[in-house]
Amino acid sequence: MLIAAKASAPAKLVLTGEYAVLEPDETAVVAAVDRFTEARVTPAERMRLTAPALALSEADARYEAGRWTLSTPHAKAGFVTEALSTTLAYLEEGGTSIEAFHLEISPALAEGGVKIGLGGSAATTVAVVGAVLKAFGQEADPMVVYRLGAIAHLRAQGSGSGIDVAASAFGGVLAFSSHHPAWLELRVSQATSVREIVEGPWPHLSIERLNWPQGWLLLAGWTGTSASTPEFLSMVEHLKASCDAGYPTFLSQMRHSSQALVTGLKTSDADACRSAIANGRAAMHTLGEALGVSLETPDLARLAEAAIACGTAGKPSGAGGGDCGIAFAFDSAQADCVKEAWERQGIRPLNLDIARRGLATPAAN
């Protein structure tokens, strides 16, 4: 029997390992941050969707033959459509009878209506998956939610490592090695059911929770411009196919950064973490030069240099080309120094903290 349910999922910031994480067995480090997307499911006489970020209010929808679709197609509803289609098919394959419901989603993660690179689509996907599972009486196990979310994200976006989905599902700071997008794409094309994919082995996938030392602060600054992750991902794929020497050089640098950061966090070694972030920045420089684009924009360069002037290190977070950068601060005075320097440079410090939990499914009111 369908019940009212709600779920929330945090956003993310990639600390290091960008692009490299798309390769099998490469590790990246990601932090969930306390900007949350909420999804609420209530029983209804027909399928409906309310999503202010999409300018949708009680929009009619239907579920037929394993697909949830809006009655009037919406170009930007792909992540919601795939999250619902994937989760409902999974439930139906397990013997659950699908009843109509009204899904309400809180506004997407943005500043002034502009996306800021915190993984809003992944947080939305995870929140929707969690709310629907709970509404139909299923436990929202983080690994099941991750796998459903990764399938939905791949179907909606066509690429991606799943690192943002992992941060939203598990929370905290994670060392993450991807399931490998090409493997999942092939598995989705070959499998006879969603449940078969979710319950089977996922080679390469590794998710390990890391320590975040007491008193350390993760800082994020927004440049005021957004970047197109799919566009950069496509460029990297073309670079790999061209066998350009810049790509393996980048991969080696980024691998060193990620391994050093994992070790530094496990041992609370500030010098090691500072060096790891600086090396991650250098790796992004190498990749940008090979691509012929500025992954580190002038604003992101100023963000990183301000962190250095305050005795720490900073770098772009995620795809680069805009959006956010990050810096570590090892005490509050250093954090204040960095944030004040960013403000002088026209970079907006974001009021964020690490989200210790991932998906949450509290009792619905």
Protein backbone atom coordinates (compact mmCIF):
# COMPACT_ATOMS: atom_id res chain seq x y z
CA MET A 1 0.00 0.00 0.00
CA LEU A 2 1.33 3.41 -0.96
CA ILE A 3 2.04 5.80 1.92
CA ALA A 4 3.14 9.43 2.13
CA ALA A 5 6.93 9.66 2.21
CA LYS A 6 9.70 12.20 1.85
CA ALA A 7 13.43 12.08 1.35
CA SER A 8 16.30 14.54 1.15
CA ALA A 9 19.74 14.18 -0.40
CA PRO A 10 22.82 16.41 -0.17
CA ALA A 11 24.81 18.04 -2.94
CA LYS A 12 28.52 17.41 -3.55
CA LEU A 13 31.92 18.95 -4.16
CA VAL A 14 34.65 16.94 -5.86
CA LEU A 15 37.91 17.47 -3.97
CA THR A 16 40.22 15.79 -6.49
CA GLY A 17 40.17 13.09 -9.16
CA GLU A 18 38.05 14.92 -11.74
CA TYR A 19 37.92 13.23 -15.18
CA ALA A 20 40.34 10.51 -14.05
CA VAL A 21 37.47 8.90 -12.13
CA LEU A 22 35.88 7.99 -15.47
CA GLU A 23 38.64 5.39 -15.93
CA PRO A 24 38.36 1.90 -14.37
CA ASP A 25 39.88 1.63 -10.90
CA GLU A 26 40.92 5.28 -10.67
CA THR A 27 40.03 6.95 -7.37
CA ALA A 28 38.54 10.38 -6.74
CA VAL A 29 37.64 12.08 -3.46
CA VAL A 30 34.25 13.74 -3.03
CA ALA A 31 32.46 15.46 -0.15
CA ALA A 32 28.72 15.67 0.38
CA VAL A 33 27.73 19.21 1.38
CA ASP A 34 24.73 20.53 3.24
CA ARG A 35 22.65 21.85 0.38
CA PHE A 36 19.72 19.45 0.16
CA THR A 37 17.11 18.57 -2.43
CA GLU A 38 13.86 17.20 -1.02
CA ALA A 39 11.30 14.95 -2.69
CA ARG A 40 7.85 14.19 -1.30
CA VAL A 41 5.45 11.47 -2.47
CA THR A 42 1.75 11.46 -1.54
CA PRO A 43 -1.01 9.13 -2.74
CA ALA A 44 -3.13 10.68 -5.51
CA GLU A 45 -5.88 9.78 -7.94
CA ARG A 46 -3.47 10.15 -10.88
CA MET A 47 0.26 10.58 -11.49
CA ARG A 48 1.32 14.22 -11.04
CA LEU A 49 4.58 16.17 -10.72
CA THR A 50 5.25 19.50 -9.03
CA ALA A 51 8.74 20.90 -9.53
CA PRO A 52 9.16 24.68 -9.20
CA ALA A 53 12.63 24.56 -10.75
CA LEU A 54 10.99 23.19 -13.91
CA ALA A 55 7.99 25.55 -13.65
CA LEU A 56 5.73 22.52 -13.23
CA SER A 57 2.74 22.45 -10.89
CA GLU A 58 0.67 19.27 -10.62
CA ALA A 59 1.63 18.31 -14.17
CA ASP A 60 -0.15 15.16 -15.36
CA ALA A 61 1.91 12.04 -15.96
CA ARG A 62 1.48 8.29 -16.42
CA TYR A 63 3.32 5.03 -15.79
CA GLU A 64 3.03 2.37 -18.47
CA ALA A 65 5.23 -0.55 -19.52
CA GLY A 66 8.06 0.39 -17.20
CA ARG A 67 8.15 4.08 -18.17
CA TRP A 68 6.98 7.12 -16.22
CA THR A 69 6.34 10.04 -18.56
CA LEU A 70 4.82 13.49 -18.42
CA SER A 71 1.67 13.91 -20.48
CA THR A 72 3.24 17.07 -21.92
CA PRO A 73 6.97 16.44 -22.52
CA HIS A 74 9.43 18.76 -20.79
CA ALA A 75 12.97 19.14 -22.14
CA LYS A 76 14.56 19.53 -18.69
CA ALA A 77 12.70 16.78 -16.85
CA GLY A 78 14.99 13.95 -17.99
CA PHE A 79 16.57 13.21 -14.60
CA VAL A 80 13.18 13.05 -12.87
CA THR A 81 11.71 10.94 -15.65
CA GLU A 82 14.56 8.43 -15.52
CA ALA A 83 14.68 8.31 -11.72
CA LEU A 84 10.98 7.49 -11.60
CA SER A 85 11.03 5.06 -14.53
CA THR A 86 14.02 3.16 -13.14
CA THR A 87 12.72 2.97 -9.56
CA LEU A 88 9.14 2.07 -10.46
CA ALA A 89 10.33 -0.66 -12.85
CA TYR A 90 12.58 -2.04 -10.09
CA LEU A 91 9.64 -2.13 -7.68
CA GLU A 92 7.25 -3.65 -10.21
CA GLU A 93 9.76 -6.37 -11.11
CA GLY A 94 9.85 -7.26 -7.40
CA GLY A 95 6.09 -7.77 -7.28
CA THR A 96 5.00 -4.30 -6.11
CA SER A 97 1.77 -2.96 -7.57
CA ILE A 98 2.34 0.63 -8.75
CA GLU A 99 -0.25 3.11 -7.51
CA ALA A 100 -0.67 6.73 -8.58
CA PHE A 101 1.08 9.45 -6.59
CA HIS A 102 1.92 13.14 -6.57
CA LEU A 103 5.68 13.83 -6.52
CA GLU A 104 6.85 17.22 -5.26
CA ILE A 105 10.51 18.27 -5.62
CA SER A 106 12.13 21.21 -3.88
CA PRO A 107 13.87 23.83 -6.03
CA ALA A 108 17.19 22.82 -7.62
CA LEU A 109 20.53 23.91 -6.19
CA ALA A 110 21.32 27.32 -7.63
CA GLU A 111 22.40 30.87 -6.86
CA GLY A 112 20.09 33.46 -8.38
CA GLY A 113 18.69 30.85 -10.77
CA VAL A 114 22.15 29.84 -12.06
CA LYS A 115 23.54 26.37 -11.38
CA ILE A 116 26.70 26.38 -9.29
CA GLY A 117 28.19 22.95 -9.90
CA LEU A 118 27.07 21.17 -6.73
CA GLY A 119 25.48 18.17 -8.44
CA GLY A 120 21.85 19.23 -8.28
CA SER A 121 20.70 16.60 -10.79
CA ALA A 122 22.26 13.79 -8.75
CA ALA A 123 20.79 15.09 -5.49
CA THR A 124 17.38 15.27 -7.17
CA THR A 125 17.76 11.76 -8.57
CA VAL A 126 18.73 10.28 -5.19
CA ALA A 127 15.97 12.11 -3.31
CA VAL A 128 13.34 10.93 -5.81
CA VAL A 129 14.57 7.33 -5.69
CA GLY A 130 14.59 7.35 -1.88
CA ALA A 131 11.14 8.89 -1.53
CA VAL A 132 9.55 6.47 -4.00
CA LEU A 133 11.14 3.41 -2.40
CA LYS A 134 9.91 4.49 1.04
CA ALA A 135 6.43 5.33 -0.25
CA PHE A 136 6.09 1.77 -1.56
CA GLY A 137 7.33 0.26 1.69
CA GLN A 138 10.90 -0.54 0.61
CA GLU A 139 14.06 0.14 2.59
CA ALA A 140 16.14 2.91 1.00
CA ASP A 141 19.48 1.08 1.32
CA PRO A 142 22.26 3.49 0.19
CA MET A 143 23.85 0.98 -2.19
CA VAL A 144 20.52 0.11 -3.83
CA VAL A 145 19.72 3.82 -4.08
CA TYR A 146 23.16 4.48 -5.56
CA ARG A 147 22.73 1.78 -8.20
CA LEU A 148 19.23 2.89 -9.16
CA GLY A 149 20.43 6.50 -9.25
CA ALA A 150 23.47 5.62 -11.36
CA ILE A 151 21.29 3.81 -13.91
CA ALA A 152 18.85 6.72 -14.04
CA HIS A 153 21.65 9.27 -14.31
CA LEU A 154 23.27 7.37 -17.17
CA ARG A 155 19.96 7.14 -19.02
CA ALA A 156 19.33 10.85 -18.58
CA GLN A 157 22.83 12.19 -19.23
CA GLY A 158 24.46 9.47 -21.33
CA SER A 159 27.73 9.63 -19.38
CA GLY A 160 29.21 10.25 -15.95
CA SER A 161 31.14 8.38 -13.28
CA GLY A 162 28.39 8.32 -10.65
CA ILE A 163 30.54 10.16 -8.11
CA ASP A 164 27.89 12.80 -7.45
CA VAL A 165 25.23 10.10 -7.02
CA ALA A 166 27.46 8.35 -4.47
CA ALA A 167 27.96 11.55 -2.46
CA SER A 168 24.20 12.16 -2.37
CA ALA A 169 23.38 8.59 -1.39
CA PHE A 170 26.11 7.97 1.23
CA GLY A 171 27.10 11.43 2.52
CA GLY A 172 30.35 12.35 4.25
CA VAL A 173 33.72 12.33 2.50
CA LEU A 174 34.28 9.39 0.16
CA ALA A 175 37.08 7.74 -1.76
CA PHE A 176 35.24 6.66 -4.90
CA SER A 177 36.13 4.41 -7.81
CA SER A 178 33.48 4.29 -10.51
CA HIS A 179 31.50 1.32 -11.77
CA HIS A 180 32.86 2.54 -15.14
CA PRO A 181 30.30 4.24 -17.39
CA ALA A 182 31.01 2.07 -20.47
CA TRP A 183 30.40 -1.09 -18.43
CA LEU A 184 27.09 0.21 -17.08
CA GLU A 185 25.95 1.38 -20.51
CA LEU A 186 26.59 -2.12 -21.89
CA ARG A 187 24.92 -3.76 -18.88
CA VAL A 188 21.81 -1.60 -19.25
CA SER A 189 21.57 -2.48 -22.95
CA GLN A 190 21.90 -6.22 -22.27
CA ALA A 191 19.91 -6.79 -19.06
CA THR A 192 16.32 -7.96 -19.15
CA SER A 193 15.34 -6.04 -16.00
CA VAL A 194 16.45 -3.22 -13.73
CA ARG A 195 16.43 -5.59 -10.75
CA GLU A 196 18.89 -7.88 -12.54
CA ILE A 197 21.35 -4.98 -12.87
CA VAL A 198 20.91 -3.71 -9.32
CA GLU A 199 21.30 -7.13 -7.68
CA GLY A 200 24.23 -8.31 -9.82
CA PRO A 201 27.95 -7.60 -9.36
CA TRP A 202 29.31 -4.14 -10.19
CA PRO A 203 32.99 -4.58 -11.05
CA HIS A 204 35.35 -1.67 -10.36
CA LEU A 205 32.90 0.08 -8.01
CA SER A 206 34.40 1.06 -4.66
CA ILE A 207 32.98 3.50 -2.09
CA GLU A 208 34.97 4.10 1.10
CA ARG A 209 34.09 6.62 3.80
CA LEU A 210 37.06 8.78 4.83
CA ASN A 211 37.86 10.69 7.98
CA TRP A 212 37.41 14.47 8.04
CA PRO A 213 39.72 15.78 10.79
CA GLN A 214 38.33 17.76 13.70
CA GLY A 215 38.69 21.52 13.21
CA TRP A 216 39.40 21.38 9.47
CA LEU A 217 37.10 23.35 7.17
CA LEU A 218 36.15 22.74 3.55
CA LEU A 219 35.70 26.06 1.74
CA ALA A 220 33.87 26.58 -1.54
CA GLY A 221 33.80 29.70 -3.70
CA TRP A 222 31.49 30.37 -6.62
CA THR A 223 32.81 32.23 -9.64
CA GLY A 224 29.41 33.46 -10.79
CA THR A 225 29.50 31.55 -14.08
CA SER A 226 28.32 28.04 -14.89
CA ALA A 227 30.09 25.40 -16.98
CA SER A 228 28.89 22.60 -19.26
CA THR A 229 30.08 19.27 -17.87
CA PRO A 230 28.78 17.17 -20.82
CA GLU A 231 30.64 19.41 -23.28
CA PHE A 232 33.94 18.96 -21.43
CA LEU A 233 33.37 15.23 -21.04
CA SER A 234 32.92 14.94 -24.80
CA MET A 235 36.16 16.83 -25.38
CA VAL A 236 38.05 14.51 -23.03
CA GLU A 237 36.70 11.46 -24.87
CA HIS A 238 38.00 12.89 -28.16
CA LEU A 239 41.37 13.60 -26.53
CA LYS A 240 41.65 9.99 -25.34
CA ALA A 241 40.73 8.69 -28.78
CA SER A 242 43.45 10.83 -30.36
CA CYS A 243 46.12 9.15 -28.19
CA ASP A 244 47.48 12.57 -27.24
CA ALA A 245 50.34 12.24 -24.74
CA GLY A 246 48.78 14.92 -22.56
CA TYR A 247 46.04 12.57 -21.36
CA PRO A 248 48.21 9.88 -19.72
CA THR A 249 50.34 12.63 -18.18
CA PHE A 250 47.21 14.17 -16.69
CA LEU A 251 46.00 10.77 -15.50
CA SER A 252 49.26 10.06 -13.69
CA GLN A 253 49.24 13.49 -11.99
CA MET A 254 45.63 13.17 -10.89
CA ARG A 255 46.16 9.63 -9.62
CA HIS A 256 49.00 10.90 -7.44
CA SER A 257 46.78 13.70 -6.13
CA SER A 258 43.92 11.38 -5.21
CA GLN A 259 46.11 8.76 -3.55
CA ALA A 260 47.87 11.45 -1.52
CA LEU A 261 44.60 13.04 -0.42
CA VAL A 262 43.14 9.71 0.70
CA THR A 263 46.27 9.02 2.76
CA GLY A 264 46.36 12.57 4.11
CA LEU A 265 42.75 12.44 5.29
CA LYS A 266 43.23 9.03 6.88
CA THR A 267 46.25 10.28 8.83
CA SER A 268 45.04 13.89 9.41
CA ASP A 269 48.20 15.14 7.68
CA ALA A 270 47.59 18.77 6.73
CA ASP A 271 50.79 19.09 4.67
CA ALA A 272 49.92 16.00 2.63
CA CYS A 273 46.39 17.26 1.97
CA ARG A 274 47.64 20.72 1.01
CA SER A 275 50.09 19.16 -1.43
CA ALA A 276 47.42 16.82 -2.83
CA ILE A 277 45.10 19.72 -3.63
CA ALA A 278 47.95 21.63 -5.29
CA ASN A 279 48.81 18.57 -7.38
CA GLY A 280 45.16 18.17 -8.38
CA ARG A 281 45.19 21.75 -9.59
CA ALA A 282 48.34 21.05 -11.63
CA ALA A 283 46.68 18.01 -13.17
CA MET A 284 43.72 20.14 -14.26
CA HIS A 285 46.20 22.55 -15.88
CA THR A 286 47.75 19.66 -17.80
CA LEU A 287 44.38 18.45 -19.03
CA GLY A 288 43.26 21.96 -20.01
CA GLU A 289 46.42 22.51 -22.04
CA ALA A 290 45.92 19.19 -23.84
CA LEU A 291 42.29 20.11 -24.59
CA GLY A 292 43.15 23.67 -25.60
CA VAL A 293 40.64 25.13 -23.14
CA SER A 294 40.83 26.94 -19.81
CA LEU A 295 39.50 24.48 -17.25
CA GLU A 296 40.95 26.90 -14.71
CA THR A 297 39.35 30.20 -15.65
CA PRO A 298 40.87 33.49 -14.46
CA ASP A 299 38.37 33.53 -11.58
CA LEU A 300 39.29 29.99 -10.56
CA ALA A 301 42.99 30.92 -10.80
CA ARG A 302 42.41 33.86 -8.46
CA LEU A 303 40.50 31.56 -6.12
CA ALA A 304 43.43 29.15 -5.93
CA GLU A 305 46.06 31.87 -5.60
CA ALA A 306 44.14 33.49 -2.75
CA ALA A 307 44.19 30.17 -0.90
CA ILE A 308 47.95 29.89 -1.44
CA ALA A 309 48.46 33.40 -0.06
CA CYS A 310 46.65 32.28 3.09
CA GLY A 311 48.96 29.29 3.54
CA THR A 312 46.79 26.56 2.05
CA ALA A 313 45.79 25.32 -1.43
CA GLY A 314 42.79 25.59 -3.76
CA LYS A 315 41.66 24.22 -7.10
CA PRO A 316 38.67 23.98 -9.41
CA SER A 317 36.03 21.51 -8.24
CA GLY A 318 34.36 19.29 -10.81
CA ALA A 319 34.56 19.88 -14.54
CA GLY A 320 36.16 23.32 -14.32
CA GLY A 321 35.53 26.10 -16.79
CA GLY A 322 33.47 27.99 -14.20
CA ASP A 323 31.20 26.98 -11.32
CA CYS A 324 33.04 26.38 -8.04
CA GLY A 325 36.51 26.00 -6.62
CA ILE A 326 37.53 24.58 -3.27
CA ALA A 327 40.16 25.16 -0.63
CA PHE A 328 41.07 23.47 2.63
CA ALA A 329 41.43 25.50 5.82
CA PHE A 330 43.03 23.97 8.87
CA ASP A 331 41.66 26.46 11.38
CA SER A 332 39.05 29.23 11.52
CA ALA A 333 41.59 32.06 11.11
CA GLN A 334 42.84 30.56 7.85
CA ALA A 335 39.24 30.08 6.68
CA ASP A 336 38.50 33.76 7.36
CA CYS A 337 41.65 34.76 5.45
CA VAL A 338 40.61 32.75 2.38
CA LYS A 339 37.00 33.92 2.37
CA GLU A 340 37.96 37.57 2.76
CA ALA A 341 40.48 37.25 -0.08
CA TRP A 342 37.85 35.63 -2.29
CA GLU A 343 35.38 38.41 -1.63
CA ARG A 344 37.99 40.99 -2.63
CA GLN A 345 38.39 39.09 -5.90
CA GLY A 346 34.65 39.04 -6.57
CA ILE A 347 34.32 35.33 -5.73
CA ARG A 348 31.37 34.43 -3.54
CA PRO A 349 32.18 32.16 -0.56
CA LEU A 350 29.39 29.61 -0.21
CA ASN A 351 28.02 28.92 3.23
CA LEU A 352 28.57 25.17 3.17
CA ASP A 353 29.61 22.43 5.52
CA ILE A 354 30.22 18.73 5.01
CA ALA A 355 26.98 16.74 5.16
CA ARG A 356 27.79 13.80 7.42
CA ARG A 357 24.73 11.89 6.23
CA GLY A 358 23.55 11.12 2.75
CA LEU A 359 19.98 10.20 1.79
CA ALA A 360 17.52 10.67 4.66
CA THR A 361 13.93 9.45 4.71
CA PRO A 362 12.29 10.99 7.78
CA ALA A 363 8.64 10.46 8.60
CA ALA A 364 6.37 12.47 6.29
CA ASN A 365 4.16 15.07 7.96
